[in-house]
Amino acid sequence: MPEMTITIGGRDFEVACQEGEEHFLRSAAKLLDNEATVLIGQIGRMPEARMLLMAGLMLADKAAGLEDQLRAAEERAVVAERVAANARANPERVEVPVIPEIVIDSFAEIAARAEALADRIEERKAG
């Protein structure tokens, strides 16, 4: 089992970890050291046990906040999936308005007149 020295709040600690877990231990120690450094900057020197306790509580508070955010995001994802599943199961009916026959006839008449005018213009140009 590898032994490592980690530094938290300016103090060194000898700890052991499983083979291959050294990187994770260093990362965890860095998180704890960041919180301890903030504490020491705000409060000053304090007993080792108090520093570790306070830094641990600060990390736990951050973790709890992240868990709350994760839970809320998971709930939003569940709701979104339910909405999507409902939409797939019950697709909305799309209605296209029917154009009244009189409007179609009017457009046809306008098009016929335009074509007749175009024909007259072409005849005058040719003649």
C-alpha atoms as a PDB file:
ATOM      1  CA  MET A   1       0.000   0.000   0.000  1.00  0.00           C
ATOM      2  CA  PRO A   2       1.666   3.247  -1.124  1.00  0.00           C
ATOM      3  CA  GLU A   3       2.413   5.897   1.493  1.00  0.00           C
ATOM      4  CA  MET A   4       2.164   9.539   0.476  1.00  0.00           C
ATOM      5  CA  THR A   5       2.735  12.905   2.053  1.00  0.00           C
ATOM      6  CA  ILE A   6      -0.058  15.396   1.457  1.00  0.00           C
ATOM      7  CA  THR A   7      -0.126  19.027   2.522  1.00  0.00           C
ATOM      8  CA  ILE A   8      -3.291  20.595   3.887  1.00  0.00           C
ATOM      9  CA  GLY A   9      -3.306  24.096   5.272  1.00  0.00           C
ATOM     10  CA  GLY A  10       0.482  24.240   5.279  1.00  0.00           C
ATOM     11  CA  ARG A  11       0.763  21.048   7.341  1.00  0.00           C
ATOM     12  CA  ASP A  12       2.084  17.725   6.081  1.00  0.00           C
ATOM     13  CA  PHE A  13       0.274  14.453   6.669  1.00  0.00           C
ATOM     14  CA  GLU A  14       1.447  10.896   5.949  1.00  0.00           C
ATOM     15  CA  VAL A  15      -1.362   8.819   4.463  1.00  0.00           C
ATOM     16  CA  ALA A  16      -1.686   5.483   2.714  1.00  0.00           C
ATOM     17  CA  CYS A  17      -3.895   4.549  -0.215  1.00  0.00           C
ATOM     18  CA  GLN A  18      -4.598   1.626  -2.503  1.00  0.00           C
ATOM     19  CA  GLU A  19      -2.205   0.961  -5.379  1.00  0.00           C
ATOM     20  CA  GLY A  20      -3.212   3.120  -8.369  1.00  0.00           C
ATOM     21  CA  GLU A  21      -5.336   5.474  -6.233  1.00  0.00           C
ATOM     22  CA  GLU A  22      -2.580   8.030  -5.676  1.00  0.00           C
ATOM     23  CA  HIS A  23      -4.013  10.482  -8.214  1.00  0.00           C
ATOM     24  CA  PHE A  24      -7.420  10.454  -6.513  1.00  0.00           C
ATOM     25  CA  LEU A  25      -5.840  11.004  -3.098  1.00  0.00           C
ATOM     26  CA  ARG A  26      -3.836  13.962  -4.445  1.00  0.00           C
ATOM     27  CA  SER A  27      -7.006  15.454  -5.976  1.00  0.00           C
ATOM     28  CA  ALA A  28      -8.972  15.033  -2.740  1.00  0.00           C
ATOM     29  CA  ALA A  29      -6.116  16.496  -0.711  1.00  0.00           C
ATOM     30  CA  LYS A  30      -5.951  19.482  -3.080  1.00  0.00           C
ATOM     31  CA  LEU A  31      -9.680  20.157  -2.551  1.00  0.00           C
ATOM     32  CA  LEU A  32      -9.251  19.994   1.211  1.00  0.00           C
ATOM     33  CA  ASP A  33      -6.125  22.153   1.060  1.00  0.00           C
ATOM     34  CA  ASN A  34      -7.986  24.811  -0.951  1.00  0.00           C
ATOM     35  CA  GLU A  35     -10.667  25.048   1.747  1.00  0.00           C
ATOM     36  CA  ALA A  36      -8.086  25.038   4.558  1.00  0.00           C
ATOM     37  CA  THR A  37      -6.145  27.816   2.822  1.00  0.00           C
ATOM     38  CA  VAL A  38      -9.305  29.946   2.656  1.00  0.00           C
ATOM     39  CA  LEU A  39      -9.947  29.324   6.359  1.00  0.00           C
ATOM     40  CA  ILE A  40      -6.397  30.209   7.365  1.00  0.00           C
ATOM     41  CA  GLY A  41      -6.600  33.359   5.258  1.00  0.00           C
ATOM     42  CA  GLN A  42      -9.818  34.423   6.999  1.00  0.00           C
ATOM     43  CA  ILE A  43      -9.240  33.229  10.562  1.00  0.00           C
ATOM     44  CA  GLY A  44      -5.494  32.727  10.860  1.00  0.00           C
ATOM     45  CA  ARG A  45      -3.680  29.844  12.470  1.00  0.00           C
ATOM     46  CA  MET A  46      -5.874  27.314  14.251  1.00  0.00           C
ATOM     47  CA  PRO A  47      -5.498  23.866  15.765  1.00  0.00           C
ATOM     48  CA  GLU A  48      -5.026  21.096  13.223  1.00  0.00           C
ATOM     49  CA  ALA A  49      -8.205  19.207  14.159  1.00  0.00           C
ATOM     50  CA  ARG A  50     -10.350  22.364  13.921  1.00  0.00           C
ATOM     51  CA  MET A  51      -8.813  23.306  10.566  1.00  0.00           C
ATOM     52  CA  LEU A  52      -9.498  19.849   9.145  1.00  0.00           C
ATOM     53  CA  LEU A  53     -13.022  19.793  10.579  1.00  0.00           C
ATOM     54  CA  MET A  54     -13.926  23.217   9.195  1.00  0.00           C
ATOM     55  CA  ALA A  55     -12.374  22.503   5.781  1.00  0.00           C
ATOM     56  CA  GLY A  56     -14.223  19.178   5.649  1.00  0.00           C
ATOM     57  CA  LEU A  57     -17.515  20.878   6.547  1.00  0.00           C
ATOM     58  CA  MET A  58     -16.971  23.486   3.854  1.00  0.00           C
ATOM     59  CA  LEU A  59     -16.382  20.736   1.281  1.00  0.00           C
ATOM     60  CA  ALA A  60     -19.429  18.827   2.536  1.00  0.00           C
ATOM     61  CA  ASP A  61     -21.533  21.980   2.136  1.00  0.00           C
ATOM     62  CA  LYS A  62     -20.350  22.377  -1.450  1.00  0.00           C
ATOM     63  CA  ALA A  63     -21.022  18.691  -2.136  1.00  0.00           C
ATOM     64  CA  ALA A  64     -24.537  18.983  -0.682  1.00  0.00           C
ATOM     65  CA  GLY A  65     -25.221  21.992  -2.914  1.00  0.00           C
ATOM     66  CA  LEU A  66     -24.010  20.082  -5.953  1.00  0.00           C
ATOM     67  CA  GLU A  67     -26.178  17.093  -4.988  1.00  0.00           C
ATOM     68  CA  ASP A  68     -29.203  19.404  -4.773  1.00  0.00           C
ATOM     69  CA  GLN A  69     -28.415  20.811  -8.213  1.00  0.00           C
ATOM     70  CA  LEU A  70     -27.946  17.304  -9.604  1.00  0.00           C
ATOM     71  CA  ARG A  71     -31.240  16.131  -8.119  1.00  0.00           C
ATOM     72  CA  ALA A  72     -33.058  19.140  -9.608  1.00  0.00           C
ATOM     73  CA  ALA A  73     -31.446  18.508 -13.005  1.00  0.00           C
ATOM     74  CA  GLU A  74     -32.445  14.841 -12.847  1.00  0.00           C
ATOM     75  CA  GLU A  75     -36.033  15.826 -12.007  1.00  0.00           C
ATOM     76  CA  ARG A  76     -36.090  18.241 -14.965  1.00  0.00           C
ATOM     77  CA  ALA A  77     -34.738  15.468 -17.207  1.00  0.00           C
ATOM     78  CA  VAL A  78     -37.462  13.061 -16.024  1.00  0.00           C
ATOM     79  CA  VAL A  79     -40.154  15.663 -16.711  1.00  0.00           C
ATOM     80  CA  ALA A  80     -38.670  16.428 -20.131  1.00  0.00           C
ATOM     81  CA  GLU A  81     -38.590  12.716 -20.976  1.00  0.00           C
ATOM     82  CA  ARG A  82     -42.223  12.319 -19.911  1.00  0.00           C
ATOM     83  CA  VAL A  83     -43.219  15.265 -22.091  1.00  0.00           C
ATOM     84  CA  ALA A  84     -41.269  13.832 -25.034  1.00  0.00           C
ATOM     85  CA  ALA A  85     -42.784  10.358 -24.527  1.00  0.00           C
ATOM     86  CA  ASN A  86     -46.248  11.869 -24.333  1.00  0.00           C
ATOM     87  CA  ALA A  87     -45.617  13.838 -27.520  1.00  0.00           C
ATOM     88  CA  ARG A  88     -44.475  10.667 -29.291  1.00  0.00           C
ATOM     89  CA  ALA A  89     -47.502   8.724 -28.044  1.00  0.00           C
ATOM     90  CA  ASN A  90     -49.998  11.507 -28.749  1.00  0.00           C
ATOM     91  CA  PRO A  91     -48.719  13.601 -31.623  1.00  0.00           C
ATOM     92  CA  GLU A  92     -50.541  16.851 -32.048  1.00  0.00           C
ATOM     93  CA  ARG A  93     -52.997  17.012 -34.868  1.00  0.00           C
ATOM     94  CA  VAL A  94     -52.014  19.698 -37.311  1.00  0.00           C
ATOM     95  CA  GLU A  95     -54.873  21.260 -39.195  1.00  0.00           C
ATOM     96  CA  VAL A  96     -54.297  23.033 -42.465  1.00  0.00           C
ATOM     97  CA  PRO A  97     -56.988  25.534 -43.331  1.00  0.00           C
ATOM     98  CA  VAL A  98     -58.960  24.767 -46.465  1.00  0.00           C
ATOM     99  CA  ILE A  99     -58.902  27.498 -49.062  1.00  0.00           C
ATOM    100  CA  PRO A 100     -62.477  28.403 -50.017  1.00  0.00           C
ATOM    101  CA  GLU A 101     -63.454  27.536 -53.598  1.00  0.00           C
ATOM    102  CA  ILE A 102     -64.258  31.163 -54.416  1.00  0.00           C
ATOM    103  CA  VAL A 103     -60.685  32.208 -53.609  1.00  0.00           C
ATOM    104  CA  ILE A 104     -59.285  29.450 -55.830  1.00  0.00           C
ATOM    105  CA  ASP A 105     -61.590  30.565 -58.658  1.00  0.00           C
ATOM    106  CA  SER A 106     -60.548  34.194 -58.177  1.00  0.00           C
ATOM    107  CA  PHE A 107     -56.854  33.312 -58.384  1.00  0.00           C
ATOM    108  CA  ALA A 108     -57.489  31.232 -61.506  1.00  0.00           C
ATOM    109  CA  GLU A 109     -59.313  34.154 -63.132  1.00  0.00           C
ATOM    110  CA  ILE A 110     -56.511  36.595 -62.252  1.00  0.00           C
ATOM    111  CA  ALA A 111     -53.921  34.176 -63.669  1.00  0.00           C
ATOM    112  CA  ALA A 112     -55.925  33.794 -66.901  1.00  0.00           C
ATOM    113  CA  ARG A 113     -56.176  37.580 -67.302  1.00  0.00           C
ATOM    114  CA  ALA A 114     -52.436  37.976 -66.669  1.00  0.00           C
ATOM    115  CA  GLU A 115     -51.668  35.355 -69.315  1.00  0.00           C
ATOM    116  CA  ALA A 116     -54.014  37.065 -71.788  1.00  0.00           C
ATOM    117  CA  LEU A 117     -52.282  40.398 -71.173  1.00  0.00           C
ATOM    118  CA  ALA A 118     -48.889  38.763 -71.637  1.00  0.00           C
ATOM    119  CA  ASP A 119     -50.088  37.262 -74.942  1.00  0.00           C
ATOM    120  CA  ARG A 120     -51.286  40.690 -76.194  1.00  0.00           C
ATOM    121  CA  ILE A 121     -47.957  42.266 -75.290  1.00  0.00           C
ATOM    122  CA  GLU A 122     -46.091  39.533 -77.149  1.00  0.00           C
ATOM    123  CA  GLU A 123     -48.359  40.013 -80.234  1.00  0.00           C
ATOM    124  CA  ARG A 124     -47.742  43.777 -80.277  1.00  0.00           C
ATOM    125  CA  LYS A 125     -43.996  43.257 -80.002  1.00  0.00           C
ATOM    126  CA  ALA A 126     -44.045  40.776 -82.876  1.00  0.00           C
ATOM    127  CA  GLY A 127     -46.374  42.888 -85.034  1.00  0.00           C
END
